[in-house]
Amino acid sequence: MKAAAALSTRERLLCESLYFLGCRVSEALQLTPTCVDVGESVILIRCLKKRGKEVTRRVLVPKRLAKELVDLGAQAEERLWPISRMTAWRIVKRVMAVAGISGIHAMPKGLRHGFGVRAALAKLPLHLIQRYMGHSYSTTTAIYLDVVGDEERTLVCRTWR
């Protein structure tokens, strides 16, 4: 997230929200100030892949992030990021390039996958990761937990203790 520091506040907060929420870019773009509960440090995300059902998930975030999102100054029902999905994609791609990240992880979905991996490494229960990511089935969540390289080594090393 250090690479996002050079962005405008609004763009930085978009990247940080994707990083801390593990949400889809389209879900982040529909957030309004009314979705942010600063007192509880919670963001309410309307799931967009539930085929007609109105499902909202509640995700805890750092207090600083919740406060900064409200401080963006958007009106209650005004979107925090009144931009297109493509513009959001470009912002994330630019940050990933600055961070030296390329390939399949250099996109918004890479931040979502990173959330799942970080949650697994932090030993969050699978059902909680599933709920935060908005998955109906734990098998879908398990796909995001497929790790390689340093992340894989960290997990395997735990079994050696």
Protein backbone atom coordinates (compact mmCIF):
# COMPACT_ATOMS: atom_id res chain seq x y z
CA MET A 1 0.00 0.00 0.00
CA LYS A 2 3.05 2.26 0.16
CA ALA A 3 2.81 2.72 -3.61
CA ALA A 4 -0.65 4.29 -3.18
CA ALA A 5 0.75 7.09 -0.99
CA ALA A 6 1.56 9.24 -4.04
CA LEU A 7 -2.04 9.17 -5.30
CA SER A 8 -4.76 11.70 -4.58
CA THR A 9 -6.56 11.04 -1.29
CA ARG A 10 -9.63 9.69 -3.09
CA GLU A 11 -7.60 7.30 -5.28
CA ARG A 12 -5.47 6.16 -2.33
CA LEU A 13 -8.59 5.41 -0.30
CA LEU A 14 -10.02 3.38 -3.18
CA CYS A 15 -6.89 1.20 -3.22
CA GLU A 16 -6.84 0.91 0.57
CA SER A 17 -10.53 -0.01 0.62
CA LEU A 18 -9.98 -2.80 -1.90
CA TYR A 19 -7.00 -3.98 0.18
CA PHE A 20 -8.77 -3.94 3.57
CA LEU A 21 -12.27 -5.01 2.46
CA GLY A 22 -11.42 -7.82 0.05
CA CYS A 23 -14.37 -6.67 -2.03
CA ARG A 24 -14.90 -6.63 -5.77
CA VAL A 25 -14.11 -3.33 -7.49
CA SER A 26 -17.78 -2.95 -8.50
CA GLU A 27 -18.79 -3.38 -4.84
CA ALA A 28 -16.32 -0.71 -3.72
CA LEU A 29 -17.58 1.71 -6.36
CA GLN A 30 -21.14 1.54 -5.05
CA LEU A 31 -20.16 2.50 -1.48
CA THR A 32 -21.62 5.70 -0.03
CA PRO A 33 -21.00 7.46 3.31
CA THR A 34 -24.10 5.72 4.69
CA CYS A 35 -22.26 2.38 4.24
CA VAL A 36 -19.57 3.51 6.69
CA ASP A 37 -20.04 3.20 10.44
CA VAL A 38 -17.11 5.12 11.95
CA GLY A 39 -18.06 4.28 15.54
CA GLU A 40 -17.95 0.52 14.90
CA SER A 41 -15.24 0.72 12.19
CA VAL A 42 -17.48 -1.24 9.86
CA ILE A 43 -18.25 -0.99 6.16
CA LEU A 44 -21.52 -2.41 4.86
CA ILE A 45 -21.05 -3.87 1.39
CA ARG A 46 -23.99 -4.75 -0.81
CA CYS A 47 -23.14 -8.05 -2.51
CA LEU A 48 -23.56 -7.72 -6.25
CA LYS A 49 -23.29 -11.41 -7.18
CA LYS A 50 -26.32 -12.76 -5.33
CA ARG A 51 -28.67 -12.85 -8.36
CA GLY A 52 -31.56 -10.73 -7.25
CA LYS A 53 -31.24 -11.27 -3.50
CA GLU A 54 -30.45 -8.22 -1.39
CA VAL A 55 -27.46 -9.33 0.68
CA THR A 56 -25.25 -6.98 2.69
CA ARG A 57 -22.07 -8.04 4.38
CA ARG A 58 -20.46 -6.29 7.34
CA VAL A 59 -16.66 -5.98 7.21
CA LEU A 60 -14.48 -4.56 9.98
CA VAL A 61 -11.83 -2.06 8.88
CA PRO A 62 -9.16 0.05 10.61
CA LYS A 63 -10.73 3.07 12.36
CA ARG A 64 -8.50 5.39 10.34
CA LEU A 65 -9.91 4.08 7.06
CA ALA A 66 -13.54 4.43 8.16
CA LYS A 67 -12.92 8.02 9.29
CA GLU A 68 -11.07 8.99 6.12
CA LEU A 69 -13.84 7.57 3.93
CA VAL A 70 -16.47 9.67 5.70
CA ASP A 71 -14.14 12.69 5.54
CA LEU A 72 -14.10 12.48 1.73
CA GLY A 73 -17.10 14.77 1.94
CA ALA A 74 -19.53 12.90 -0.28
CA GLN A 75 -23.22 13.47 0.42
CA ALA A 76 -25.02 10.67 2.29
CA GLU A 77 -26.23 8.78 -0.80
CA GLU A 78 -23.48 9.98 -3.15
CA ARG A 79 -20.93 7.37 -4.20
CA LEU A 80 -17.50 7.75 -2.58
CA TRP A 81 -15.89 7.14 -5.98
CA PRO A 82 -18.10 8.45 -8.79
CA ILE A 83 -15.92 6.75 -11.43
CA SER A 84 -16.29 3.83 -13.82
CA ARG A 85 -14.97 0.32 -13.24
CA MET A 86 -12.43 0.91 -16.00
CA THR A 87 -11.10 4.07 -14.33
CA ALA A 88 -10.79 2.18 -11.02
CA TRP A 89 -8.95 -0.59 -12.85
CA ARG A 90 -6.48 1.92 -14.29
CA ILE A 91 -5.84 3.44 -10.85
CA VAL A 92 -5.06 0.02 -9.36
CA LYS A 93 -2.91 -1.00 -12.36
CA ARG A 94 -0.89 2.21 -11.95
CA VAL A 95 -0.32 1.55 -8.23
CA MET A 96 0.65 -2.05 -8.91
CA ALA A 97 3.20 -0.92 -11.51
CA VAL A 98 4.75 1.52 -9.02
CA ALA A 99 4.86 -1.31 -6.45
CA GLY A 100 6.64 -3.54 -8.96
CA ILE A 101 3.77 -6.03 -9.13
CA SER A 102 2.98 -7.48 -12.53
CA GLY A 103 1.02 -10.34 -14.04
CA ILE A 104 -2.29 -11.68 -12.81
CA HIS A 105 -2.05 -10.03 -9.39
CA ALA A 106 -1.59 -6.51 -10.83
CA MET A 107 -5.31 -5.77 -10.87
CA PRO A 108 -8.17 -5.18 -8.42
CA LYS A 109 -8.80 -8.92 -8.15
CA GLY A 110 -5.18 -9.28 -7.01
CA LEU A 111 -6.00 -7.07 -4.00
CA ARG A 112 -9.04 -9.25 -3.32
CA HIS A 113 -6.95 -12.42 -3.51
CA GLY A 114 -4.33 -10.78 -1.28
CA PHE A 115 -7.02 -10.11 1.30
CA GLY A 116 -7.96 -13.80 1.34
CA VAL A 117 -4.34 -14.90 1.64
CA ARG A 118 -3.58 -12.37 4.42
CA ALA A 119 -6.69 -13.51 6.28
CA ALA A 120 -5.58 -17.15 6.02
CA LEU A 121 -2.05 -16.31 7.17
CA ALA A 122 -3.56 -14.42 10.12
CA LYS A 123 -5.48 -17.63 10.94
CA LEU A 124 -8.95 -16.14 10.49
CA PRO A 125 -11.49 -18.97 10.45
CA LEU A 126 -12.53 -20.01 6.94
CA HIS A 127 -16.20 -19.20 7.60
CA LEU A 128 -15.25 -15.62 8.55
CA ILE A 129 -13.12 -15.15 5.41
CA GLN A 130 -16.01 -16.60 3.40
CA ARG A 131 -18.45 -14.12 4.94
CA TYR A 132 -16.13 -11.12 4.47
CA MET A 133 -15.53 -11.99 0.83
CA GLY A 134 -19.21 -12.64 0.15
CA HIS A 135 -18.88 -16.24 -0.98
CA SER A 136 -21.85 -18.59 -0.82
CA TYR A 137 -19.64 -21.67 -0.65
CA SER A 138 -16.45 -22.35 1.30
CA THR A 139 -15.04 -24.11 -1.77
CA THR A 140 -15.00 -20.74 -3.53
CA THR A 141 -13.13 -19.20 -0.61
CA ALA A 142 -10.63 -22.07 -0.65
CA ILE A 143 -9.63 -21.08 -4.21
CA TYR A 144 -8.48 -17.68 -2.93
CA LEU A 145 -6.39 -19.41 -0.30
CA ASP A 146 -4.20 -21.13 -2.90
CA VAL A 147 -0.76 -19.79 -2.02
CA VAL A 148 2.72 -20.17 -3.48
CA GLY A 149 6.24 -19.00 -2.76
CA ASP A 150 6.86 -17.11 0.47
CA GLU A 151 3.22 -17.35 1.54
CA GLU A 152 3.26 -21.12 1.07
CA ARG A 153 6.52 -21.41 3.05
CA THR A 154 5.06 -19.38 5.94
CA LEU A 155 2.05 -21.68 6.18
CA VAL A 156 4.07 -24.90 5.91
CA CYS A 157 6.62 -23.70 8.49
CA ARG A 158 3.80 -23.53 11.03
CA THR A 159 3.40 -27.31 10.79
CA TRP A 160 7.05 -27.81 11.78
CA ARG A 161 6.67 -26.24 15.21
